[in-house]
């Protein structure tokens, strides 16, 4: 069960042993969550336990009730070593002007967009902090 996460562009998404595995199949790979209702006013930080085999960051994008379209104005990257080891990362969205209203969907991008096909991003969990 991918808990609502699905491939959206240039990747495959599946769950194995409780871990979400995102594997790039081409340039600019990303996956999206199912519908959500995250109250941005009270949940200002997200954390995740992740590991990557290539690339150097994960881009978090979002859509909200106040700004419903995807766009680079609603992106927050976080650096991740591509060493295949587990790392906890944090997105601090407290000062982002478009982290507002209810967050209705999240998107995770393997960065950079030209990371090689076959790059794996494993996500153990994503949760508010």
C-alpha atoms as a PDB file:
ATOM      1  CA  UNK A   1       0.000   0.000   0.000  1.00  0.00           C
ATOM      2  CA  UNK A   2       1.537   3.319  -1.079  1.00  0.00           C
ATOM      3  CA  UNK A   3      -0.822   5.220   1.266  1.00  0.00           C
ATOM      4  CA  UNK A   4      -2.087   7.362  -1.598  1.00  0.00           C
ATOM      5  CA  UNK A   5       1.311   8.243  -3.100  1.00  0.00           C
ATOM      6  CA  UNK A   6       1.431   7.709  -6.868  1.00  0.00           C
ATOM      7  CA  UNK A   7       3.801   8.252  -9.771  1.00  0.00           C
ATOM      8  CA  UNK A   8       3.119  11.445 -11.629  1.00  0.00           C
ATOM      9  CA  UNK A   9       6.105  11.973 -13.926  1.00  0.00           C
ATOM     10  CA  UNK A  10       9.104   9.866 -14.980  1.00  0.00           C
ATOM     11  CA  UNK A  11       9.085   7.438 -12.053  1.00  0.00           C
ATOM     12  CA  UNK A  12       7.575   4.305 -10.585  1.00  0.00           C
ATOM     13  CA  UNK A  13       6.197   4.124  -7.054  1.00  0.00           C
ATOM     14  CA  UNK A  14       5.596   1.041  -4.951  1.00  0.00           C
ATOM     15  CA  UNK A  15       5.685  -0.064  -1.333  1.00  0.00           C
ATOM     16  CA  UNK A  16       7.877  -2.819   0.014  1.00  0.00           C
ATOM     17  CA  UNK A  17       8.377  -3.750   3.661  1.00  0.00           C
ATOM     18  CA  UNK A  18       6.673  -0.531   4.768  1.00  0.00           C
ATOM     19  CA  UNK A  19       8.924   1.716   2.664  1.00  0.00           C
ATOM     20  CA  UNK A  20       7.778   3.823  -0.286  1.00  0.00           C
ATOM     21  CA  UNK A  21      10.208   3.312  -3.190  1.00  0.00           C
ATOM     22  CA  UNK A  22      10.367   5.942  -5.923  1.00  0.00           C
ATOM     23  CA  UNK A  23      12.557   4.995  -8.894  1.00  0.00           C
ATOM     24  CA  UNK A  24      13.283   7.502 -11.646  1.00  0.00           C
ATOM     25  CA  UNK A  25      12.664   6.402 -15.230  1.00  0.00           C
ATOM     26  CA  UNK A  26      13.672   9.663 -16.939  1.00  0.00           C
ATOM     27  CA  UNK A  27      14.251  13.380 -16.418  1.00  0.00           C
ATOM     28  CA  UNK A  28      12.398  15.401 -13.746  1.00  0.00           C
ATOM     29  CA  UNK A  29      10.964  12.495 -11.719  1.00  0.00           C
ATOM     30  CA  UNK A  30       8.282  13.218  -9.127  1.00  0.00           C
ATOM     31  CA  UNK A  31       5.413  11.584  -7.289  1.00  0.00           C
ATOM     32  CA  UNK A  32       2.358  13.055  -5.585  1.00  0.00           C
ATOM     33  CA  UNK A  33       0.405  12.263  -2.464  1.00  0.00           C
ATOM     34  CA  UNK A  34      -3.272  11.544  -2.372  1.00  0.00           C
ATOM     35  CA  UNK A  35      -5.599  14.301  -1.155  1.00  0.00           C
ATOM     36  CA  UNK A  36      -4.738  15.775   2.228  1.00  0.00           C
ATOM     37  CA  UNK A  37      -5.893  18.542   4.560  1.00  0.00           C
ATOM     38  CA  UNK A  38      -2.796  19.746   6.377  1.00  0.00           C
ATOM     39  CA  UNK A  39      -3.531  22.932   8.350  1.00  0.00           C
ATOM     40  CA  UNK A  40      -0.550  25.099   7.327  1.00  0.00           C
ATOM     41  CA  UNK A  41      -1.182  27.573  10.141  1.00  0.00           C
ATOM     42  CA  UNK A  42      -0.380  25.007  12.839  1.00  0.00           C
ATOM     43  CA  UNK A  43       1.868  22.510  11.014  1.00  0.00           C
ATOM     44  CA  UNK A  44       4.911  24.493   9.902  1.00  0.00           C
ATOM     45  CA  UNK A  45       7.523  21.732   9.678  1.00  0.00           C
ATOM     46  CA  UNK A  46       7.611  18.355   7.973  1.00  0.00           C
ATOM     47  CA  UNK A  47      10.199  15.654   8.593  1.00  0.00           C
ATOM     48  CA  UNK A  48      11.020  12.521   6.656  1.00  0.00           C
ATOM     49  CA  UNK A  49      13.267   9.498   6.918  1.00  0.00           C
ATOM     50  CA  UNK A  50      14.766   8.923   3.466  1.00  0.00           C
ATOM     51  CA  UNK A  51      17.643   7.411   1.536  1.00  0.00           C
ATOM     52  CA  UNK A  52      18.835   8.072  -2.030  1.00  0.00           C
ATOM     53  CA  UNK A  53      21.156   6.342  -4.466  1.00  0.00           C
ATOM     54  CA  UNK A  54      21.904   9.393  -6.687  1.00  0.00           C
ATOM     55  CA  UNK A  55      20.954  13.042  -6.943  1.00  0.00           C
ATOM     56  CA  UNK A  56      21.518  15.474  -4.088  1.00  0.00           C
ATOM     57  CA  UNK A  57      18.172  16.708  -2.784  1.00  0.00           C
ATOM     58  CA  UNK A  58      14.441  16.177  -2.472  1.00  0.00           C
ATOM     59  CA  UNK A  59      12.166  18.972  -3.613  1.00  0.00           C
ATOM     60  CA  UNK A  60       8.945  19.309  -1.640  1.00  0.00           C
ATOM     61  CA  UNK A  61       6.164  20.995  -3.605  1.00  0.00           C
ATOM     62  CA  UNK A  62       2.594  21.585  -2.454  1.00  0.00           C
ATOM     63  CA  UNK A  63      -0.834  22.765  -3.524  1.00  0.00           C
ATOM     64  CA  UNK A  64      -3.091  24.544  -1.063  1.00  0.00           C
ATOM     65  CA  UNK A  65      -6.620  25.829  -0.698  1.00  0.00           C
ATOM     66  CA  UNK A  66      -5.240  29.366  -1.173  1.00  0.00           C
ATOM     67  CA  UNK A  67      -2.871  28.524  -4.071  1.00  0.00           C
ATOM     68  CA  UNK A  68      -4.140  25.391  -5.855  1.00  0.00           C
ATOM     69  CA  UNK A  69      -1.671  25.151  -8.783  1.00  0.00           C
ATOM     70  CA  UNK A  70       1.735  23.456  -8.724  1.00  0.00           C
ATOM     71  CA  UNK A  71       4.624  25.842  -9.250  1.00  0.00           C
ATOM     72  CA  UNK A  72       8.222  26.661  -8.414  1.00  0.00           C
ATOM     73  CA  UNK A  73       6.934  29.338  -6.030  1.00  0.00           C
ATOM     74  CA  UNK A  74       5.781  26.481  -3.765  1.00  0.00           C
ATOM     75  CA  UNK A  75       8.982  24.455  -3.599  1.00  0.00           C
ATOM     76  CA  UNK A  76      11.305  23.790  -0.683  1.00  0.00           C
ATOM     77  CA  UNK A  77      14.365  21.629  -1.389  1.00  0.00           C
ATOM     78  CA  UNK A  78      16.306  19.753   1.270  1.00  0.00           C
ATOM     79  CA  UNK A  79      19.762  18.274   0.711  1.00  0.00           C
ATOM     80  CA  UNK A  80      20.182  14.511   1.047  1.00  0.00           C
ATOM     81  CA  UNK A  81      23.457  12.606   0.660  1.00  0.00           C
ATOM     82  CA  UNK A  82      23.209  10.038  -2.141  1.00  0.00           C
ATOM     83  CA  UNK A  83      24.931   7.356  -0.089  1.00  0.00           C
ATOM     84  CA  UNK A  84      22.121   4.786   0.214  1.00  0.00           C
ATOM     85  CA  UNK A  85      21.982   5.332   3.993  1.00  0.00           C
ATOM     86  CA  UNK A  86      18.956   6.467   6.004  1.00  0.00           C
ATOM     87  CA  UNK A  87      18.780  10.173   6.898  1.00  0.00           C
ATOM     88  CA  UNK A  88      16.182  12.283   8.693  1.00  0.00           C
ATOM     89  CA  UNK A  89      15.472  15.536   6.892  1.00  0.00           C
ATOM     90  CA  UNK A  90      13.315  18.524   7.760  1.00  0.00           C
ATOM     91  CA  UNK A  91      11.450  21.106   5.742  1.00  0.00           C
ATOM     92  CA  UNK A  92      10.926  24.299   7.761  1.00  0.00           C
ATOM     93  CA  UNK A  93       8.024  26.044   6.056  1.00  0.00           C
ATOM     94  CA  UNK A  94       7.311  28.535   8.848  1.00  0.00           C
ATOM     95  CA  UNK A  95       8.540  31.530   6.822  1.00  0.00           C
ATOM     96  CA  UNK A  96       7.251  30.503   3.398  1.00  0.00           C
ATOM     97  CA  UNK A  97       4.465  32.927   2.412  1.00  0.00           C
ATOM     98  CA  UNK A  98       2.596  30.325   0.325  1.00  0.00           C
ATOM     99  CA  UNK A  99       2.504  27.675   3.073  1.00  0.00           C
ATOM    100  CA  UNK A 100      -1.006  28.810   3.972  1.00  0.00           C
ATOM    101  CA  UNK A 101      -4.597  27.645   4.142  1.00  0.00           C
ATOM    102  CA  UNK A 102      -5.007  23.882   3.977  1.00  0.00           C
ATOM    103  CA  UNK A 103      -2.309  21.950   2.131  1.00  0.00           C
ATOM    104  CA  UNK A 104      -4.318  19.711  -0.203  1.00  0.00           C
ATOM    105  CA  UNK A 105      -1.508  17.726  -1.850  1.00  0.00           C
ATOM    106  CA  UNK A 106       2.249  17.168  -1.582  1.00  0.00           C
ATOM    107  CA  UNK A 107       4.782  16.328  -4.265  1.00  0.00           C
ATOM    108  CA  UNK A 108       8.279  14.871  -3.902  1.00  0.00           C
ATOM    109  CA  UNK A 109      10.857  15.508  -6.636  1.00  0.00           C
ATOM    110  CA  UNK A 110      14.200  13.780  -6.981  1.00  0.00           C
ATOM    111  CA  UNK A 111      16.720  16.589  -7.502  1.00  0.00           C
ATOM    112  CA  UNK A 112      18.410  17.601  -9.645  1.00  0.00           C
ATOM    113  CA  UNK A 113      15.881  17.054 -12.421  1.00  0.00           C
ATOM    114  CA  UNK A 114      18.582  15.389 -14.523  1.00  0.00           C
ATOM    115  CA  UNK A 115      19.457  12.751 -11.899  1.00  0.00           C
ATOM    116  CA  UNK A 116      20.127   9.506 -13.787  1.00  0.00           C
ATOM    117  CA  UNK A 117      17.348   7.068 -14.630  1.00  0.00           C
ATOM    118  CA  UNK A 118      17.327   4.322 -12.022  1.00  0.00           C
ATOM    119  CA  UNK A 119      17.878   6.731  -9.123  1.00  0.00           C
ATOM    120  CA  UNK A 120      16.070   5.378  -6.064  1.00  0.00           C
ATOM    121  CA  UNK A 121      14.470   7.488  -3.341  1.00  0.00           C
ATOM    122  CA  UNK A 122      13.166   5.412  -0.423  1.00  0.00           C
ATOM    123  CA  UNK A 123      10.792   7.124   2.012  1.00  0.00           C
ATOM    124  CA  UNK A 124      10.192   5.412   5.354  1.00  0.00           C
ATOM    125  CA  UNK A 125       7.871   8.173   6.591  1.00  0.00           C
ATOM    126  CA  UNK A 126       6.843  11.804   6.197  1.00  0.00           C
ATOM    127  CA  UNK A 127       5.195  13.510   9.153  1.00  0.00           C
ATOM    128  CA  UNK A 128       4.649  16.851  10.808  1.00  0.00           C
ATOM    129  CA  UNK A 129       7.105  17.971  13.441  1.00  0.00           C
END
